[in-house]
């Protein structure tokens, strides 16, 4: 019983995170033919009381979304894309259910 209750709470926390934060993907001008897509910028903005994670990309890119439960987090992967500058960036947020956003090459 205790494990099911904890699992339910984690699922609820993850669902709340998905509902509370919007993901906005925007493509900017391309980097040229054959070049891998680049993650140019990642920002967290608040609009009308809602948090949005904005990811600026050098062009169209496929992505996958996974949810992890320990600790609750959402992982958005852009296969084949590279981070502009190649550095891991951590953006502290600390509002609502969003503690931070981390972008890096993994």
PDB file of N, CA and C in Angstrom:
ATOM      1  N   UNK A   1       0.803  -1.183   0.000  1.00  0.00           N
ATOM      2  CA  UNK A   1       0.000   0.000   0.000  1.00  0.00           C
ATOM      3  C   UNK A   1       0.856   1.261   0.000  1.00  0.00           C
ATOM      4  N   UNK A   2       1.874   1.268   0.848  1.00  0.00           N
ATOM      5  CA  UNK A   2       2.733   2.440   0.969  1.00  0.00           C
ATOM      6  C   UNK A   2       3.437   2.725  -0.359  1.00  0.00           C
ATOM      7  N   UNK A   3       3.910   1.654  -1.045  1.00  0.00           N
ATOM      8  CA  UNK A   3       4.595   1.845  -2.313  1.00  0.00           C
ATOM      9  C   UNK A   3       3.647   2.399  -3.372  1.00  0.00           C
ATOM     10  N   UNK A   4       2.429   1.899  -3.435  1.00  0.00           N
ATOM     11  CA  UNK A   4       1.459   2.418  -4.407  1.00  0.00           C
ATOM     12  C   UNK A   4       1.140   3.881  -4.141  1.00  0.00           C
ATOM     13  N   UNK A   5       1.020   4.254  -2.867  1.00  0.00           N
ATOM     14  CA  UNK A   5       0.725   5.651  -2.535  1.00  0.00           C
ATOM     15  C   UNK A   5       1.878   6.547  -2.957  1.00  0.00           C
ATOM     16  N   UNK A   6       3.115   6.104  -2.710  1.00  0.00           N
ATOM     17  CA  UNK A   6       4.271   6.897  -3.121  1.00  0.00           C
ATOM     18  C   UNK A   6       4.340   7.008  -4.639  1.00  0.00           C
ATOM     19  N   UNK A   7       4.082   5.892  -5.320  1.00  0.00           N
ATOM     20  CA  UNK A   7       4.095   5.910  -6.782  1.00  0.00           C
ATOM     21  C   UNK A   7       3.040   6.836  -7.347  1.00  0.00           C
ATOM     22  N   UNK A   8       1.862   6.849  -6.731  1.00  0.00           N
ATOM     23  CA  UNK A   8       0.780   7.739  -7.157  1.00  0.00           C
ATOM     24  C   UNK A   8       1.174   9.192  -6.947  1.00  0.00           C
ATOM     25  N   UNK A   9       1.809   9.478  -5.795  1.00  0.00           N
ATOM     26  CA  UNK A   9       2.235  10.859  -5.521  1.00  0.00           C
ATOM     27  C   UNK A   9       3.277  11.308  -6.529  1.00  0.00           C
ATOM     28  N   UNK A  10       4.216  10.428  -6.884  1.00  0.00           N
ATOM     29  CA  UNK A  10       5.229  10.781  -7.884  1.00  0.00           C
ATOM     30  C   UNK A  10       4.576  11.049  -9.231  1.00  0.00           C
ATOM     31  N   UNK A  11       3.641  10.189  -9.599  1.00  0.00           N
ATOM     32  CA  UNK A  11       2.940  10.378 -10.874  1.00  0.00           C
ATOM     33  C   UNK A  11       2.168  11.697 -10.876  1.00  0.00           C
ATOM     34  N   UNK A  12       1.531  12.028  -9.752  1.00  0.00           N
ATOM     35  CA  UNK A  12       0.798  13.289  -9.653  1.00  0.00           C
ATOM     36  C   UNK A  12       1.746  14.472  -9.744  1.00  0.00           C
ATOM     37  N   UNK A  13       2.916  14.370  -9.095  1.00  0.00           N
ATOM     38  CA  UNK A  13       3.897  15.457  -9.137  1.00  0.00           C
ATOM     39  C   UNK A  13       4.408  15.654 -10.556  1.00  0.00           C
ATOM     40  N   UNK A  14       4.674  14.549 -11.263  1.00  0.00           N
ATOM     41  CA  UNK A  14       5.142  14.650 -12.641  1.00  0.00           C
ATOM     42  C   UNK A  14       4.063  15.234 -13.536  1.00  0.00           C
ATOM     43  N   UNK A  15       2.825  14.798 -13.358  1.00  0.00           N
ATOM     44  CA  UNK A  15       1.717  15.340 -14.150  1.00  0.00           C
ATOM     45  C   UNK A  15       1.547  16.830 -13.884  1.00  0.00           C
ATOM     46  N   UNK A  16       1.708  17.239 -12.626  1.00  0.00           N
ATOM     47  CA  UNK A  16       1.600  18.660 -12.283  1.00  0.00           C
ATOM     48  C   UNK A  16       2.709  19.448 -12.960  1.00  0.00           C
ATOM     49  N   UNK A  17       3.899  18.872 -13.029  1.00  0.00           N
ATOM     50  CA  UNK A  17       5.021  19.540 -13.674  1.00  0.00           C
ATOM     51  C   UNK A  17       4.741  19.723 -15.158  1.00  0.00           C
ATOM     52  N   UNK A  18       4.213  18.695 -15.794  1.00  0.00           N
ATOM     53  CA  UNK A  18       3.887  18.787 -17.221  1.00  0.00           C
ATOM     54  C   UNK A  18       2.812  19.841 -17.451  1.00  0.00           C
ATOM     55  N   UNK A  19       1.802  19.859 -16.609  1.00  0.00           N
ATOM     56  CA  UNK A  19       0.705  20.810 -16.774  1.00  0.00           C
ATOM     57  C   UNK A  19       1.130  22.238 -16.476  1.00  0.00           C
ATOM     58  N   UNK A  20       2.035  22.415 -15.522  1.00  0.00           N
ATOM     59  CA  UNK A  20       2.405  23.753 -15.084  1.00  0.00           C
ATOM     60  C   UNK A  20       3.414  24.426 -16.012  1.00  0.00           C
ATOM     61  N   UNK A  21       4.175  23.648 -16.730  1.00  0.00           N
ATOM     62  CA  UNK A  21       5.234  24.215 -17.564  1.00  0.00           C
ATOM     63  C   UNK A  21       4.972  23.908 -19.025  1.00  0.00           C
ATOM     64  N   UNK A  22       4.943  24.931 -19.833  1.00  0.00           N
ATOM     65  CA  UNK A  22       4.798  24.717 -21.268  1.00  0.00           C
ATOM     66  C   UNK A  22       6.171  24.612 -21.889  1.00  0.00           C
ATOM     67  N   UNK A  23       6.281  23.882 -22.971  1.00  0.00           N
ATOM     68  CA  UNK A  23       7.529  23.786 -23.713  1.00  0.00           C
ATOM     69  C   UNK A  23       7.315  24.465 -25.048  1.00  0.00           C
ATOM     70  N   UNK A  24       8.157  25.434 -25.348  1.00  0.00           N
ATOM     71  CA  UNK A  24       8.056  26.152 -26.603  1.00  0.00           C
ATOM     72  C   UNK A  24       9.332  25.899 -27.389  1.00  0.00           C
ATOM     73  N   UNK A  25       9.189  25.301 -28.565  1.00  0.00           N
ATOM     74  CA  UNK A  25      10.331  25.046 -29.430  1.00  0.00           C
ATOM     75  C   UNK A  25      10.258  26.022 -30.589  1.00  0.00           C
ATOM     76  N   UNK A  26      11.334  26.749 -30.814  1.00  0.00           N
ATOM     77  CA  UNK A  26      11.331  27.679 -31.927  1.00  0.00           C
ATOM     78  C   UNK A  26      12.582  27.472 -32.762  1.00  0.00           C
ATOM     79  N   UNK A  27      12.391  27.423 -34.056  1.00  0.00           N
ATOM     80  CA  UNK A  27      13.517  27.248 -34.961  1.00  0.00           C
ATOM     81  C   UNK A  27      13.949  28.608 -35.493  1.00  0.00           C
ATOM     82  N   UNK A  28      15.258  28.857 -35.405  1.00  0.00           N
ATOM     83  CA  UNK A  28      15.825  30.081 -35.973  1.00  0.00           C
ATOM     84  C   UNK A  28      16.527  29.699 -37.271  1.00  0.00           C
ATOM     85  N   UNK A  29      17.168  30.647 -37.936  1.00  0.00           N
ATOM     86  CA  UNK A  29      17.780  30.349 -39.231  1.00  0.00           C
ATOM     87  C   UNK A  29      18.763  29.187 -39.120  1.00  0.00           C
ATOM     88  N   UNK A  30      18.810  28.360 -40.163  1.00  0.00           N
ATOM     89  CA  UNK A  30      19.629  27.149 -40.167  1.00  0.00           C
ATOM     90  C   UNK A  30      21.121  27.415 -40.116  1.00  0.00           C
ATOM     91  N   UNK A  31      21.856  26.329 -39.833  1.00  0.00           N
ATOM     92  CA  UNK A  31      23.310  26.425 -39.723  1.00  0.00           C
ATOM     93  C   UNK A  31      23.998  25.989 -40.993  1.00  0.00           C
ATOM     94  N   UNK A  32      23.241  25.579 -41.998  1.00  0.00           N
ATOM     95  CA  UNK A  32      23.831  25.121 -43.252  1.00  0.00           C
ATOM     96  C   UNK A  32      23.496  23.666 -43.497  1.00  0.00           C
ATOM     97  N   UNK A  33      23.656  23.233 -44.717  1.00  0.00           N
ATOM     98  CA  UNK A  33      23.324  21.862 -45.091  1.00  0.00           C
ATOM     99  C   UNK A  33      24.311  20.892 -44.466  1.00  0.00           C
ATOM    100  N   UNK A  34      23.792  19.810 -43.926  1.00  0.00           N
ATOM    101  CA  UNK A  34      24.639  18.776 -43.357  1.00  0.00           C
ATOM    102  C   UNK A  34      25.089  19.024 -41.926  1.00  0.00           C
ATOM    103  N   UNK A  35      24.947  20.234 -41.453  1.00  0.00           N
ATOM    104  CA  UNK A  35      25.358  20.532 -40.074  1.00  0.00           C
ATOM    105  C   UNK A  35      24.297  19.999 -39.119  1.00  0.00           C
ATOM    106  N   UNK A  36      24.723  19.457 -37.967  1.00  0.00           N
ATOM    107  CA  UNK A  36      23.714  18.979 -37.010  1.00  0.00           C
ATOM    108  C   UNK A  36      22.921  20.152 -36.439  1.00  0.00           C
ATOM    109  N   UNK A  37      21.668  19.923 -36.084  1.00  0.00           N
ATOM    110  CA  UNK A  37      20.896  21.002 -35.465  1.00  0.00           C
ATOM    111  C   UNK A  37      21.525  21.410 -34.142  1.00  0.00           C
ATOM    112  N   UNK A  38      21.379  22.678 -33.809  1.00  0.00           N
ATOM    113  CA  UNK A  38      21.980  23.207 -32.576  1.00  0.00           C
ATOM    114  C   UNK A  38      20.903  23.747 -31.653  1.00  0.00           C
ATOM    115  N   UNK A  39      21.102  23.508 -30.357  1.00  0.00           N
ATOM    116  CA  UNK A  39      20.277  24.150 -29.336  1.00  0.00           C
ATOM    117  C   UNK A  39      20.965  25.482 -29.064  1.00  0.00           C
ATOM    118  N   UNK A  40      20.353  26.559 -29.514  1.00  0.00           N
ATOM    119  CA  UNK A  40      20.979  27.874 -29.452  1.00  0.00           C
ATOM    120  C   UNK A  40      20.810  28.549 -28.095  1.00  0.00           C
ATOM    121  N   UNK A  41      19.637  28.347 -27.470  1.00  0.00           N
ATOM    122  CA  UNK A  41      19.343  29.046 -26.222  1.00  0.00           C
ATOM    123  C   UNK A  41      18.223  28.318 -25.492  1.00  0.00           C
ATOM    124  N   UNK A  42      18.270  28.351 -24.172  1.00  0.00           N
ATOM    125  CA  UNK A  42      17.202  27.807 -23.328  1.00  0.00           C
ATOM    126  C   UNK A  42      16.862  28.872 -22.297  1.00  0.00           C
ATOM    127  N   UNK A  43      15.589  29.205 -22.182  1.00  0.00           N
ATOM    128  CA  UNK A  43      15.135  30.233 -21.231  1.00  0.00           C
ATOM    129  C   UNK A  43      13.848  29.787 -20.559  1.00  0.00           C
ATOM    130  N   UNK A  44      13.631  30.307 -19.368  1.00  0.00           N
ATOM    131  CA  UNK A  44      12.372  30.102 -18.664  1.00  0.00           C
ATOM    132  C   UNK A  44      11.706  31.462 -18.559  1.00  0.00           C
ATOM    133  N   UNK A  45      10.485  31.558 -19.054  1.00  0.00           N
ATOM    134  CA  UNK A  45       9.741  32.819 -19.002  1.00  0.00           C
ATOM    135  C   UNK A  45       8.381  32.565 -18.371  1.00  0.00           C
ATOM    136  N   UNK A  46       7.843  33.590 -17.758  1.00  0.00           N
ATOM    137  CA  UNK A  46       6.507  33.500 -17.171  1.00  0.00           C
ATOM    138  C   UNK A  46       5.587  34.431 -17.927  1.00  0.00           C
ATOM    139  N   UNK A  47       4.472  33.889 -18.388  1.00  0.00           N
ATOM    140  CA  UNK A  47       3.479  34.654 -19.127  1.00  0.00           C
ATOM    141  C   UNK A  47       2.111  34.358 -18.540  1.00  0.00           C
ATOM    142  N   UNK A  48       1.450  35.397 -18.096  1.00  0.00           N
ATOM    143  CA  UNK A  48       0.111  35.269 -17.521  1.00  0.00           C
ATOM    144  C   UNK A  48       0.065  34.204 -16.422  1.00  0.00           C
ATOM    145  N   UNK A  49       1.095  34.215 -15.575  1.00  0.00           N
ATOM    146  CA  UNK A  49       1.136  33.305 -14.437  1.00  0.00           C
ATOM    147  C   UNK A  49       1.555  31.881 -14.753  1.00  0.00           C
ATOM    148  N   UNK A  50       1.931  31.600 -15.998  1.00  0.00           N
ATOM    149  CA  UNK A  50       2.360  30.251 -16.387  1.00  0.00           C
ATOM    150  C   UNK A  50       3.822  30.275 -16.798  1.00  0.00           C
ATOM    151  N   UNK A  51       4.549  29.254 -16.372  1.00  0.00           N
ATOM    152  CA  UNK A  51       5.948  29.126 -16.755  1.00  0.00           C
ATOM    153  C   UNK A  51       6.063  28.415 -18.097  1.00  0.00           C
ATOM    154  N   UNK A  52       6.994  28.892 -18.920  1.00  0.00           N
ATOM    155  CA  UNK A  52       7.265  28.277 -20.219  1.00  0.00           C
ATOM    156  C   UNK A  52       8.763  28.062 -20.333  1.00  0.00           C
ATOM    157  N   UNK A  53       9.154  26.902 -20.805  1.00  0.00           N
ATOM    158  CA  UNK A  53      10.556  26.632 -21.105  1.00  0.00           C
ATOM    159  C   UNK A  53      10.699  26.806 -22.607  1.00  0.00           C
ATOM    160  N   UNK A  54      11.457  27.823 -23.015  1.00  0.00           N
ATOM    161  CA  UNK A  54      11.665  28.125 -24.430  1.00  0.00           C
ATOM    162  C   UNK A  54      13.005  27.563 -24.869  1.00  0.00           C
ATOM    163  N   UNK A  55      12.992  26.759 -25.929  1.00  0.00           N
ATOM    164  CA  UNK A  55      14.210  26.184 -26.487  1.00  0.00           C
ATOM    165  C   UNK A  55      14.346  26.701 -27.908  1.00  0.00           C
ATOM    166  N   UNK A  56      15.366  27.507 -28.170  1.00  0.00           N
ATOM    167  CA  UNK A  56      15.621  28.033 -29.514  1.00  0.00           C
ATOM    168  C   UNK A  56      16.563  27.066 -30.224  1.00  0.00           C
ATOM    169  N   UNK A  57      16.146  26.627 -31.405  1.00  0.00           N
ATOM    170  CA  UNK A  57      16.902  25.641 -32.183  1.00  0.00           C
ATOM    171  C   UNK A  57      17.341  26.237 -33.509  1.00  0.00           C
ATOM    172  N   UNK A  58      18.403  25.699 -34.080  1.00  0.00           N
ATOM    173  CA  UNK A  58      18.903  26.218 -35.351  1.00  0.00           C
ATOM    174  C   UNK A  58      18.036  25.785 -36.526  1.00  0.00           C
ATOM    175  N   UNK A  59      17.156  24.853 -36.311  1.00  0.00           N
ATOM    176  CA  UNK A  59      16.272  24.379 -37.367  1.00  0.00           C
ATOM    177  C   UNK A  59      15.391  23.269 -36.824  1.00  0.00           C
ATOM    178  N   UNK A  60      14.596  22.670 -37.693  1.00  0.00           N
ATOM    179  CA  UNK A  60      13.703  21.600 -37.246  1.00  0.00           C
ATOM    180  C   UNK A  60      14.501  20.437 -36.659  1.00  0.00           C
ATOM    181  N   UNK A  61      13.978  19.843 -35.615  1.00  0.00           N
ATOM    182  CA  UNK A  61      14.649  18.713 -34.967  1.00  0.00           C
ATOM    183  C   UNK A  61      13.592  17.813 -34.326  1.00  0.00           C
ATOM    184  N   UNK A  62      13.823  16.532 -34.402  1.00  0.00           N
ATOM    185  CA  UNK A  62      12.939  15.576 -33.728  1.00  0.00           C
ATOM    186  C   UNK A  62      13.277  15.602 -32.239  1.00  0.00           C
ATOM    187  N   UNK A  63      12.308  15.229 -31.410  1.00  0.00           N
ATOM    188  CA  UNK A  63      12.572  15.168 -29.982  1.00  0.00           C
ATOM    189  C   UNK A  63      11.734  14.082 -29.341  1.00  0.00           C
ATOM    190  N   UNK A  64      12.199  13.627 -28.184  1.00  0.00           N
ATOM    191  CA  UNK A  64      11.442  12.664 -27.385  1.00  0.00           C
ATOM    192  C   UNK A  64      11.291  13.231 -25.983  1.00  0.00           C
ATOM    193  N   UNK A  65      10.213  12.844 -25.323  1.00  0.00           N
ATOM    194  CA  UNK A  65       9.944  13.306 -23.959  1.00  0.00           C
ATOM    195  C   UNK A  65       9.795  12.074 -23.080  1.00  0.00           C
ATOM    196  N   UNK A  66      10.527  12.064 -21.966  1.00  0.00           N
ATOM    197  CA  UNK A  66      10.424  10.983 -20.992  1.00  0.00           C
ATOM    198  C   UNK A  66      10.175  11.581 -19.625  1.00  0.00           C
ATOM    199  N   UNK A  67       9.499  10.822 -18.777  1.00  0.00           N
ATOM    200  CA  UNK A  67       9.272  11.236 -17.399  1.00  0.00           C
ATOM    201  C   UNK A  67      10.028  10.283 -16.484  1.00  0.00           C
ATOM    202  N   UNK A  68      10.787  10.841 -15.555  1.00  0.00           N
ATOM    203  CA  UNK A  68      11.469  10.044 -14.538  1.00  0.00           C
ATOM    204  C   UNK A  68      10.788  10.344 -13.218  1.00  0.00           C
ATOM    205  N   UNK A  69      10.805   9.379 -12.325  1.00  0.00           N
ATOM    206  CA  UNK A  69      10.053   9.561 -11.089  1.00  0.00           C
ATOM    207  C   UNK A  69      10.913   9.781  -9.846  1.00  0.00           C
ATOM    208  N   UNK A  70      12.191   9.501  -9.874  1.00  0.00           N
ATOM    209  CA  UNK A  70      12.989   9.646  -8.652  1.00  0.00           C
ATOM    210  C   UNK A  70      14.267  10.422  -8.950  1.00  0.00           C
ATOM    211  N   UNK A  71      14.289  11.700  -8.729  1.00  0.00           N
ATOM    212  CA  UNK A  71      13.199  12.609  -8.378  1.00  0.00           C
ATOM    213  C   UNK A  71      12.347  12.911  -9.610  1.00  0.00           C
ATOM    214  N   UNK A  72      11.128  13.431  -9.404  1.00  0.00           N
ATOM    215  CA  UNK A  72      10.255  13.713 -10.550  1.00  0.00           C
ATOM    216  C   UNK A  72      10.916  14.715 -11.498  1.00  0.00           C
ATOM    217  N   UNK A  73      11.043  14.314 -12.754  1.00  0.00           N
ATOM    218  CA  UNK A  73      11.609  15.216 -13.753  1.00  0.00           C
ATOM    219  C   UNK A  73      11.136  14.820 -15.138  1.00  0.00           C
ATOM    220  N   UNK A  74      11.204  15.778 -16.017  1.00  0.00           N
ATOM    221  CA  UNK A  74      10.870  15.552 -17.418  1.00  0.00           C
ATOM    222  C   UNK A  74      12.165  15.725 -18.204  1.00  0.00           C
ATOM    223  N   UNK A  75      12.451  14.757 -19.069  1.00  0.00           N
ATOM    224  CA  UNK A  75      13.663  14.795 -19.882  1.00  0.00           C
ATOM    225  C   UNK A  75      13.229  14.942 -21.335  1.00  0.00           C
ATOM    226  N   UNK A  76      13.724  15.985 -21.982  1.00  0.00           N
ATOM    227  CA  UNK A  76      13.436  16.222 -23.396  1.00  0.00           C
ATOM    228  C   UNK A  76      14.746  16.044 -24.144  1.00  0.00           C
ATOM    229  N   UNK A  77      14.769  15.065 -25.025  1.00  0.00           N
ATOM    230  CA  UNK A  77      15.994  14.731 -25.753  1.00  0.00           C
ATOM    231  C   UNK A  77      15.840  15.149 -27.206  1.00  0.00           C
ATOM    232  N   UNK A  78      16.861  15.783 -27.742  1.00  0.00           N
ATOM    233  CA  UNK A  78      16.918  16.184 -29.138  1.00  0.00           C
ATOM    234  C   UNK A  78      18.026  15.354 -29.792  1.00  0.00           C
ATOM    235  N   UNK A  79      17.720  14.114 -30.225  1.00  0.00           N
ATOM    236  CA  UNK A  79      18.764  13.243 -30.776  1.00  0.00           C
ATOM    237  C   UNK A  79      19.482  13.891 -31.958  1.00  0.00           C
ATOM    238  N   UNK A  80      20.812  13.841 -31.917  1.00  0.00           N
ATOM    239  CA  UNK A  80      21.616  14.396 -32.996  1.00  0.00           C
ATOM    240  C   UNK A  80      21.895  15.879 -32.874  1.00  0.00           C
ATOM    241  N   UNK A  81      21.195  16.575 -31.992  1.00  0.00           N
ATOM    242  CA  UNK A  81      21.427  18.017 -31.815  1.00  0.00           C
ATOM    243  C   UNK A  81      22.610  18.239 -30.880  1.00  0.00           C
ATOM    244  N   UNK A  82      23.266  19.366 -31.042  1.00  0.00           N
ATOM    245  CA  UNK A  82      24.383  19.724 -30.169  1.00  0.00           C
ATOM    246  C   UNK A  82      24.063  21.030 -29.453  1.00  0.00           C
ATOM    247  N   UNK A  83      24.579  21.147 -28.248  1.00  0.00           N
ATOM    248  CA  UNK A  83      24.386  22.363 -27.450  1.00  0.00           C
ATOM    249  C   UNK A  83      25.349  23.432 -27.944  1.00  0.00           C
ATOM    250  N   UNK A  84      24.846  24.618 -28.235  1.00  0.00           N
ATOM    251  CA  UNK A  84      25.684  25.736 -28.639  1.00  0.00           C
ATOM    252  C   UNK A  84      26.667  26.044 -27.512  1.00  0.00           C
ATOM    253  N   UNK A  85      27.935  25.987 -27.770  1.00  0.00           N
ATOM    254  CA  UNK A  85      28.944  26.239 -26.748  1.00  0.00           C
ATOM    255  C   UNK A  85      29.368  24.969 -26.023  1.00  0.00           C
ATOM    256  N   UNK A  86      28.578  23.891 -26.118  1.00  0.00           N
ATOM    257  CA  UNK A  86      28.951  22.607 -25.544  1.00  0.00           C
ATOM    258  C   UNK A  86      28.951  22.513 -24.030  1.00  0.00           C
ATOM    259  N   UNK A  87      28.457  23.516 -23.335  1.00  0.00           N
ATOM    260  CA  UNK A  87      28.482  23.524 -21.865  1.00  0.00           C
ATOM    261  C   UNK A  87      27.118  23.181 -21.294  1.00  0.00           C
ATOM    262  N   UNK A  88      27.147  22.531 -20.127  1.00  0.00           N
ATOM    263  CA  UNK A  88      25.908  22.286 -19.396  1.00  0.00           C
ATOM    264  C   UNK A  88      25.498  23.581 -18.718  1.00  0.00           C
ATOM    265  N   UNK A  89      24.240  23.923 -18.835  1.00  0.00           N
ATOM    266  CA  UNK A  89      23.692  25.133 -18.231  1.00  0.00           C
ATOM    267  C   UNK A  89      22.591  24.740 -17.263  1.00  0.00           C
ATOM    268  N   UNK A  90      22.610  25.308 -16.068  1.00  0.00           N
ATOM    269  CA  UNK A  90      21.543  25.092 -15.098  1.00  0.00           C
ATOM    270  C   UNK A  90      20.881  26.432 -14.822  1.00  0.00           C
ATOM    271  N   UNK A  91      19.580  26.490 -15.063  1.00  0.00           N
ATOM    272  CA  UNK A  91      18.820  27.707 -14.804  1.00  0.00           C
ATOM    273  C   UNK A  91      17.980  27.493 -13.551  1.00  0.00           C
ATOM    274  N   UNK A  92      18.327  28.129 -12.429  1.00  0.00           N
ATOM    275  CA  UNK A  92      17.493  27.989 -11.234  1.00  0.00           C
ATOM    276  C   UNK A  92      16.164  28.704 -11.443  1.00  0.00           C
ATOM    277  N   UNK A  93      15.064  28.056 -11.071  1.00  0.00           N
ATOM    278  CA  UNK A  93      13.739  28.637 -11.257  1.00  0.00           C
ATOM    279  C   UNK A  93      13.058  28.786  -9.909  1.00  0.00           C
ATOM    280  N   UNK A  94      12.803  27.672  -9.226  1.00  0.00           N
ATOM    281  CA  UNK A  94      12.218  27.698  -7.888  1.00  0.00           C
ATOM    282  C   UNK A  94      10.842  28.319  -7.799  1.00  0.00           C
ATOM    283  N   UNK A  95      10.008  28.129  -8.836  1.00  0.00           N
ATOM    284  CA  UNK A  95       8.632  28.636  -8.807  1.00  0.00           C
ATOM    285  C   UNK A  95       7.684  27.476  -9.096  1.00  0.00           C
ATOM    286  N   UNK A  96       6.667  27.356  -8.257  1.00  0.00           N
ATOM    287  CA  UNK A  96       5.721  26.251  -8.431  1.00  0.00           C
ATOM    288  C   UNK A  96       6.429  24.922  -8.311  1.00  0.00           C
ATOM    289  N   UNK A  97       6.174  24.027  -9.249  1.00  0.00           N
ATOM    290  CA  UNK A  97       6.800  22.709  -9.211  1.00  0.00           C
ATOM    291  C   UNK A  97       8.115  22.663  -9.987  1.00  0.00           C
ATOM    292  N   UNK A  98       8.496  23.764 -10.626  1.00  0.00           N
ATOM    293  CA  UNK A  98       9.722  23.799 -11.421  1.00  0.00           C
ATOM    294  C   UNK A  98      10.880  24.344 -10.584  1.00  0.00           C
ATOM    295  N   UNK A  99      11.803  23.458 -10.223  1.00  0.00           N
ATOM    296  CA  UNK A  99      12.953  23.866  -9.426  1.00  0.00           C
ATOM    297  C   UNK A  99      14.056  24.453 -10.276  1.00  0.00           C
ATOM    298  N   UNK A 100      14.363  23.767 -11.404  1.00  0.00           N
ATOM    299  CA  UNK A 100      15.451  24.226 -12.284  1.00  0.00           C
ATOM    300  C   UNK A 100      15.306  23.573 -13.652  1.00  0.00           C
ATOM    301  N   UNK A 101      15.992  24.151 -14.616  1.00  0.00           N
ATOM    302  CA  UNK A 101      16.071  23.588 -15.961  1.00  0.00           C
ATOM    303  C   UNK A 101      17.547  23.381 -16.246  1.00  0.00           C
ATOM    304  N   UNK A 102      17.878  22.177 -16.681  1.00  0.00           N
ATOM    305  CA  UNK A 102      19.284  21.858 -17.006  1.00  0.00           C
ATOM    306  C   UNK A 102      19.370  21.484 -18.464  1.00  0.00           C
ATOM    307  N   UNK A 103      20.282  22.093 -19.189  1.00  0.00           N
ATOM    308  CA  UNK A 103      20.510  21.777 -20.593  1.00  0.00           C
ATOM    309  C   UNK A 103      21.973  21.379 -20.738  1.00  0.00           C
ATOM    310  N   UNK A 104      22.200  20.251 -21.373  1.00  0.00           N
ATOM    311  CA  UNK A 104      23.578  19.802 -21.550  1.00  0.00           C
ATOM    312  C   UNK A 104      23.678  18.714 -22.596  1.00  0.00           C
ATOM    313  N   UNK A 105      24.898  18.411 -22.950  1.00  0.00           N
ATOM    314  CA  UNK A 105      25.189  17.364 -23.937  1.00  0.00           C
ATOM    315  C   UNK A 105      25.420  16.074 -23.158  1.00  0.00           C
ATOM    316  N   UNK A 106      24.481  15.142 -23.262  1.00  0.00           N
ATOM    317  CA  UNK A 106      24.591  13.883 -22.512  1.00  0.00           C
ATOM    318  C   UNK A 106      24.679  12.710 -23.446  1.00  0.00           C
TER     319      UNK A 106
END
